[in-house]
Amino acid sequence: MTAKIGFIGLGTMGKWMALNMLKAGFAMRVYDINPAPVEFLVGQGAVAAKSPADAAAAADWLFLSLPDTELVEKVIFGENGIVQGARPGLVLVDLSTISYMPTLEINRKLLEKGLHFADAPVSGMEARAKEAKLTVMFGGDEGLFQTLKPAFDAIGNQIVYMGQAGSGQLTKLINQLLFNISCAGLAEVLPMAVKLGLDPEKVAQVVTTGTGRSFAAEFFIPLTLENRFDEGYPVKSAYKDMISAAEISAHKGIPLPVVNATAVTFQMAIAEGFGDLSKGGLIRVFEKLLKTEFRKKWEEAK
């Protein structure tokens, strides 16, 4: 018998993950405060839920794809939240990217209520969500992981069991911190290159092919040259990763000097009004300081 799925959070990523699960043959009840993606999925065969509690009431497995820790907690424990509609034995899977330590607390509270929990954040942008080619990092019971595998196979092509509850979020955080450090490094160093007289396009050629290359460089440098900061996760949203790292550092006594320096760059960008730009927009902080820009020459720009 195919499991009945509830899906809450139909934003940029959630909409496509829900659609791909629906295409895989799962019966699905969906909920979002925005009616447009709900209507879209109803048109594909899903049923609209009236609230998170209603989405949970008929579900065997319930998936969340929400923007932050506070909203995840509200949807689970708040008024008309999941716990009010959940039947004993419900499996709740959080696909969101939220803080590590609150994830551990969510797991503890749900276990007390007889509900199963797993954190399974995903990596990949909207295009990969559409193509069902996401990377999924699972934290929770290994037997539960095997049970849920058909649903994960519907949304991703790299499904990795990481360990006990919380391990998925911790793994995603590690990945994001390394990416954020790379973005902050580019933001700091590339304006210096231009300030000292180097040609941005020639620097880009070296940095995206030489030993200094990274995914951040390969993705953001071409966009920066074109003065485009609209692709990728916004700085102010990505800052939650830096907060999560600070919580871990403080509670576990783990020094993170490079991570802390990266957090300062994010803070500067937000304070300067660049928070809505992609992480590539971090460069605007140091361009402003040095009064220069890492762009194509005007006569060559599109």
Protein backbone atom coordinates (compact mmCIF):
# COMPACT_ATOMS: atom_id res chain seq x y z
CA MET A 1 0.00 0.00 0.00
CA THR A 2 1.40 3.41 -1.04
CA ALA A 3 1.88 5.83 1.84
CA LYS A 4 -0.35 8.90 2.03
CA ILE A 5 1.76 12.04 1.99
CA GLY A 6 1.13 15.48 3.41
CA PHE A 7 3.30 18.35 2.15
CA ILE A 8 3.51 21.77 3.81
CA GLY A 9 5.46 24.63 2.23
CA LEU A 10 5.15 25.02 -1.52
CA GLY A 11 7.70 27.72 -2.24
CA THR A 12 10.50 27.75 -4.79
CA MET A 13 11.73 24.29 -3.78
CA GLY A 14 8.72 22.73 -2.07
CA LYS A 15 6.38 23.12 -5.03
CA TRP A 16 8.59 21.03 -7.28
CA MET A 17 9.43 18.43 -4.65
CA ALA A 18 5.72 17.94 -3.97
CA LEU A 19 5.00 17.69 -7.69
CA ASN A 20 7.68 15.06 -8.20
CA MET A 21 6.34 12.97 -5.30
CA LEU A 22 2.88 13.30 -6.82
CA LYS A 23 4.21 12.13 -10.19
CA ALA A 24 5.76 9.12 -8.44
CA GLY A 25 2.28 7.94 -7.51
CA PHE A 26 1.88 9.10 -3.92
CA ALA A 27 -1.54 10.32 -2.77
CA MET A 28 -0.93 13.84 -1.52
CA ARG A 29 -2.57 16.53 0.60
CA VAL A 30 -0.84 19.93 0.36
CA TYR A 31 -0.86 23.19 2.30
CA ASP A 32 0.63 26.66 1.88
CA ILE A 33 -0.48 30.14 2.89
CA ASN A 34 -0.07 31.13 -0.78
CA PRO A 35 -3.03 29.71 -2.74
CA ALA A 36 -1.33 29.74 -6.15
CA PRO A 37 0.97 26.70 -5.71
CA VAL A 38 -1.82 24.85 -3.89
CA GLU A 39 -4.10 25.38 -6.88
CA PHE A 40 -1.32 24.29 -9.23
CA LEU A 41 -0.82 21.01 -7.37
CA VAL A 42 -4.54 20.39 -7.01
CA GLY A 43 -4.64 20.65 -10.79
CA GLN A 44 -2.03 17.87 -10.87
CA GLY A 45 -4.11 15.59 -8.63
CA ALA A 46 -3.32 16.69 -5.07
CA VAL A 47 -5.90 17.55 -2.40
CA ALA A 48 -5.82 20.94 -0.67
CA ALA A 49 -5.50 20.95 3.12
CA LYS A 50 -7.12 23.67 5.25
CA SER A 51 -4.32 23.90 7.81
CA PRO A 52 -1.13 22.12 8.92
CA ALA A 53 -3.29 20.06 11.31
CA ASP A 54 -5.54 19.07 8.42
CA ALA A 55 -2.53 18.11 6.29
CA ALA A 56 -1.32 15.87 9.12
CA ALA A 57 -4.67 14.25 9.87
CA ALA A 58 -4.74 11.96 6.85
CA ALA A 59 -1.00 11.53 6.33
CA ASP A 60 1.32 8.60 6.97
CA TRP A 61 4.33 10.73 6.06
CA LEU A 62 4.34 14.52 6.34
CA PHE A 63 7.02 16.63 4.65
CA LEU A 64 7.91 20.25 5.45
CA SER A 65 9.73 22.70 3.19
CA LEU A 66 9.75 26.02 5.05
CA PRO A 67 12.10 29.04 5.10
CA ASP A 68 13.31 29.18 8.71
CA THR A 69 13.44 27.61 12.16
CA GLU A 70 10.77 29.85 13.69
CA LEU A 71 8.21 28.95 11.03
CA VAL A 72 8.96 25.22 11.28
CA GLU A 73 8.34 25.36 15.03
CA LYS A 74 5.12 27.34 14.54
CA VAL A 75 3.76 24.95 11.91
CA ILE A 76 4.53 21.94 14.10
CA PHE A 77 3.53 23.18 17.55
CA GLY A 78 1.42 26.33 16.98
CA GLU A 79 -2.31 26.90 16.62
CA ASN A 80 -3.79 24.41 14.13
CA GLY A 81 -0.30 22.95 13.95
CA ILE A 82 0.76 19.48 12.96
CA VAL A 83 0.71 18.00 16.46
CA GLN A 84 -2.98 18.90 16.79
CA GLY A 85 -3.94 16.82 13.80
CA ALA A 86 -1.32 14.07 13.83
CA ARG A 87 -2.21 10.47 14.47
CA PRO A 88 0.14 8.36 16.63
CA GLY A 89 2.99 7.03 14.53
CA LEU A 90 2.99 9.88 12.00
CA VAL A 91 6.37 10.32 10.32
CA LEU A 92 7.36 13.99 10.09
CA VAL A 93 10.23 14.81 7.72
CA ASP A 94 11.69 18.31 7.65
CA LEU A 95 13.20 19.12 4.25
CA SER A 96 13.82 22.72 5.33
CA THR A 97 17.21 24.15 6.15
CA ILE A 98 17.00 25.22 9.79
CA SER A 99 19.29 25.48 12.80
CA TYR A 100 20.93 22.35 14.15
CA MET A 101 20.29 22.74 17.87
CA PRO A 102 16.57 23.57 17.59
CA THR A 103 16.27 20.49 15.35
CA LEU A 104 17.44 18.33 18.24
CA GLU A 105 14.78 19.91 20.48
CA ILE A 106 12.03 19.39 17.88
CA ASN A 107 12.99 15.71 17.69
CA ARG A 108 12.84 15.38 21.49
CA LYS A 109 9.40 16.98 21.74
CA LEU A 110 7.91 14.91 18.92
CA LEU A 111 9.23 11.65 20.37
CA GLU A 112 7.44 12.51 23.62
CA LYS A 113 4.20 12.75 21.63
CA GLY A 114 4.68 9.39 19.92
CA LEU A 115 5.59 10.89 16.57
CA HIS A 116 8.59 10.00 14.41
CA PHE A 117 10.90 12.75 13.17
CA ALA A 118 13.67 13.03 10.62
CA ASP A 119 15.58 16.02 9.26
CA ALA A 120 16.39 15.78 5.58
CA PRO A 121 17.54 19.13 4.18
CA VAL A 122 18.20 19.31 0.46
CA SER A 123 20.95 20.91 -1.58
CA GLY A 124 20.38 22.25 -5.07
CA MET A 125 18.65 25.24 -6.57
CA GLU A 126 15.21 25.45 -8.22
CA ALA A 127 16.36 23.91 -11.52
CA ARG A 128 17.55 20.77 -9.73
CA ALA A 129 14.33 20.63 -7.72
CA LYS A 130 12.34 20.64 -10.99
CA GLU A 131 14.55 17.91 -12.43
CA ALA A 132 14.37 15.75 -9.27
CA LYS A 133 18.15 15.93 -8.97
CA LEU A 134 18.52 17.26 -5.43
CA THR A 135 20.99 16.00 -2.83
CA VAL A 136 19.17 14.85 0.31
CA MET A 137 20.99 14.58 3.66
CA PHE A 138 18.99 12.40 6.08
CA GLY A 139 19.21 12.45 9.85
CA GLY A 140 17.10 9.93 11.79
CA ASP A 141 16.46 6.25 12.32
CA GLU A 142 18.12 4.14 9.62
CA GLY A 143 15.13 1.82 9.30
CA LEU A 144 12.92 4.85 8.79
CA PHE A 145 15.32 6.07 6.12
CA GLN A 146 14.84 2.84 4.17
CA THR A 147 11.07 3.12 4.51
CA LEU A 148 11.06 6.70 3.20
CA LYS A 149 13.55 6.06 0.40
CA PRO A 150 10.91 5.86 -2.40
CA ALA A 151 9.78 9.40 -1.60
CA PHE A 152 13.36 10.69 -1.57
CA ASP A 153 14.09 8.93 -4.85
CA ALA A 154 11.26 10.97 -6.35
CA ILE A 155 13.00 14.26 -5.56
CA GLY A 156 16.74 13.58 -5.63
CA ASN A 157 19.57 11.62 -7.20
CA GLN A 158 21.97 11.78 -4.22
CA ILE A 159 20.28 10.42 -1.10
CA VAL A 160 22.71 10.12 1.81
CA TYR A 161 22.05 8.65 5.26
CA MET A 162 24.07 10.77 7.68
CA GLY A 163 23.17 9.33 11.11
CA GLN A 164 20.84 10.13 13.99
CA ALA A 165 18.32 12.99 14.05
CA GLY A 166 20.05 16.33 13.54
CA SER A 167 22.76 14.86 11.34
CA GLY A 168 21.05 16.01 8.17
CA GLN A 169 20.92 19.64 9.28
CA LEU A 170 24.47 19.47 10.59
CA THR A 171 25.72 18.13 7.26
CA LYS A 172 23.85 20.80 5.31
CA LEU A 173 25.28 23.45 7.62
CA ILE A 174 28.84 22.20 7.06
CA ASN A 175 28.29 22.39 3.31
CA GLN A 176 26.74 25.86 3.49
CA LEU A 177 29.44 27.26 5.76
CA LEU A 178 32.17 26.20 3.35
CA PHE A 179 30.21 27.77 0.49
CA ASN A 180 29.63 30.97 2.47
CA ILE A 181 33.34 31.20 3.34
CA SER A 182 34.17 30.92 -0.37
CA CYS A 183 31.67 33.66 -1.23
CA ALA A 184 33.06 35.97 1.46
CA GLY A 185 36.61 35.32 0.28
CA LEU A 186 35.72 36.27 -3.29
CA ALA A 187 33.93 39.37 -2.03
CA GLU A 188 37.01 40.53 -0.13
CA VAL A 189 39.79 39.69 -2.58
CA LEU A 190 38.37 40.42 -6.05
CA PRO A 191 37.85 44.17 -5.48
CA MET A 192 41.46 44.37 -4.27
CA ALA A 193 42.58 42.91 -7.59
CA VAL A 194 40.78 45.62 -9.52
CA LYS A 195 41.92 48.37 -7.13
CA LEU A 196 45.53 47.39 -7.79
CA GLY A 197 45.06 47.51 -11.56
CA LEU A 198 44.25 43.97 -12.70
CA ASP A 199 41.71 43.33 -15.45
CA PRO A 200 38.55 41.72 -13.96
CA GLU A 201 37.93 39.39 -16.90
CA LYS A 202 41.50 38.12 -16.92
CA VAL A 203 41.38 37.60 -13.14
CA ALA A 204 38.12 35.72 -13.65
CA GLN A 205 39.76 33.47 -16.24
CA VAL A 206 42.49 32.50 -13.79
CA VAL A 207 40.36 32.20 -10.67
CA THR A 208 37.77 29.95 -12.33
CA THR A 209 40.38 27.59 -13.79
CA GLY A 210 43.36 27.74 -11.45
CA THR A 211 43.94 26.43 -7.95
CA GLY A 212 41.78 29.23 -6.48
CA ARG A 213 38.69 27.96 -8.25
CA SER A 214 35.57 26.92 -6.37
CA PHE A 215 31.90 26.40 -7.10
CA ALA A 216 31.26 29.88 -5.69
CA ALA A 217 33.78 31.37 -8.12
CA GLU A 218 32.48 29.45 -11.11
CA PHE A 219 28.87 30.38 -10.35
CA PHE A 220 29.12 33.96 -9.13
CA ILE A 221 32.07 35.52 -10.96
CA PRO A 222 30.45 35.44 -14.44
CA LEU A 223 27.29 36.95 -12.94
CA THR A 224 29.29 39.62 -11.09
CA LEU A 225 31.05 40.64 -14.29
CA GLU A 226 27.60 41.19 -15.79
CA ASN A 227 26.49 43.18 -12.69
CA ARG A 228 23.90 40.53 -11.84
CA PHE A 229 23.14 39.66 -8.23
CA ASP A 230 19.70 38.11 -8.66
CA GLU A 231 20.55 34.40 -8.93
CA GLY A 232 20.95 32.32 -5.80
CA TYR A 233 19.87 32.54 -2.18
CA PRO A 234 19.60 36.10 -0.70
CA VAL A 235 22.26 37.17 1.78
CA LYS A 236 19.77 38.00 4.53
CA SER A 237 18.20 34.54 4.26
CA ALA A 238 21.55 32.74 4.11
CA TYR A 239 22.65 34.56 7.28
CA LYS A 240 20.71 31.94 9.28
CA ASP A 241 23.60 29.54 8.59
CA MET A 242 25.97 31.92 10.33
CA ILE A 243 23.63 32.19 13.32
CA SER A 244 23.42 28.40 13.55
CA ALA A 245 27.22 28.13 13.47
CA ALA A 246 27.51 30.73 16.23
CA GLU A 247 25.05 28.75 18.39
CA ILE A 248 27.08 25.58 17.98
CA SER A 249 30.35 27.39 18.64
CA ALA A 250 28.98 28.94 21.83
CA HIS A 251 27.26 25.82 23.22
CA LYS A 252 29.94 23.30 22.25
CA GLY A 253 33.00 25.48 22.84
CA ILE A 254 34.29 24.99 19.29
CA PRO A 255 36.37 27.91 17.93
CA LEU A 256 35.38 28.99 14.41
CA PRO A 257 37.52 32.05 13.58
CA VAL A 258 37.11 31.93 9.78
CA VAL A 259 33.38 31.30 10.10
CA ASN A 260 33.11 34.26 12.48
CA ALA A 261 34.92 36.50 10.00
CA THR A 262 32.53 35.36 7.28
CA ALA A 263 29.60 36.24 9.53
CA VAL A 264 30.95 39.78 9.82
CA THR A 265 30.97 40.10 6.02
CA PHE A 266 27.33 38.98 5.93
CA GLN A 267 26.47 41.47 8.68
CA MET A 268 28.19 44.29 6.79
CA ALA A 269 26.29 43.43 3.61
CA ILE A 270 22.95 43.44 5.42
CA ALA A 271 23.78 46.71 7.21
CA GLU A 272 24.70 48.34 3.87
CA GLY A 273 21.34 47.35 2.37
CA PHE A 274 22.60 44.45 0.24
CA GLY A 275 20.65 41.74 2.08
CA ASP A 276 18.27 41.05 -0.80
CA LEU A 277 21.13 40.34 -3.21
CA SER A 278 22.50 36.86 -3.82
CA LYS A 279 25.64 35.77 -1.98
CA GLY A 280 27.55 37.11 -4.96
CA GLY A 281 26.35 40.50 -3.76
CA LEU A 282 28.67 40.31 -0.75
CA ILE A 283 31.27 41.82 -3.08
CA ARG A 284 29.37 45.10 -3.03
CA VAL A 285 30.57 45.69 0.54
CA PHE A 286 34.24 45.75 -0.41
CA GLU A 287 33.63 47.45 -3.75
CA LYS A 288 32.04 50.29 -1.80
CA LEU A 289 34.95 50.43 0.64
CA LEU A 290 37.56 50.46 -2.14
CA LYS A 291 35.50 52.61 -4.53
CA THR A 292 35.90 50.15 -7.39
CA GLU A 293 33.90 47.46 -9.20
CA PHE A 294 34.68 43.99 -10.48
CA ARG A 295 32.82 44.25 -13.82
CA LYS A 296 33.28 43.91 -17.54
CA LYS A 297 34.49 47.03 -19.29
CA TRP A 298 31.62 49.26 -20.29
CA GLU A 299 32.22 48.95 -24.01
CA GLU A 300 32.10 45.16 -23.70
CA ALA A 301 29.17 44.88 -21.31
CA LYS A 302 25.84 43.70 -22.62
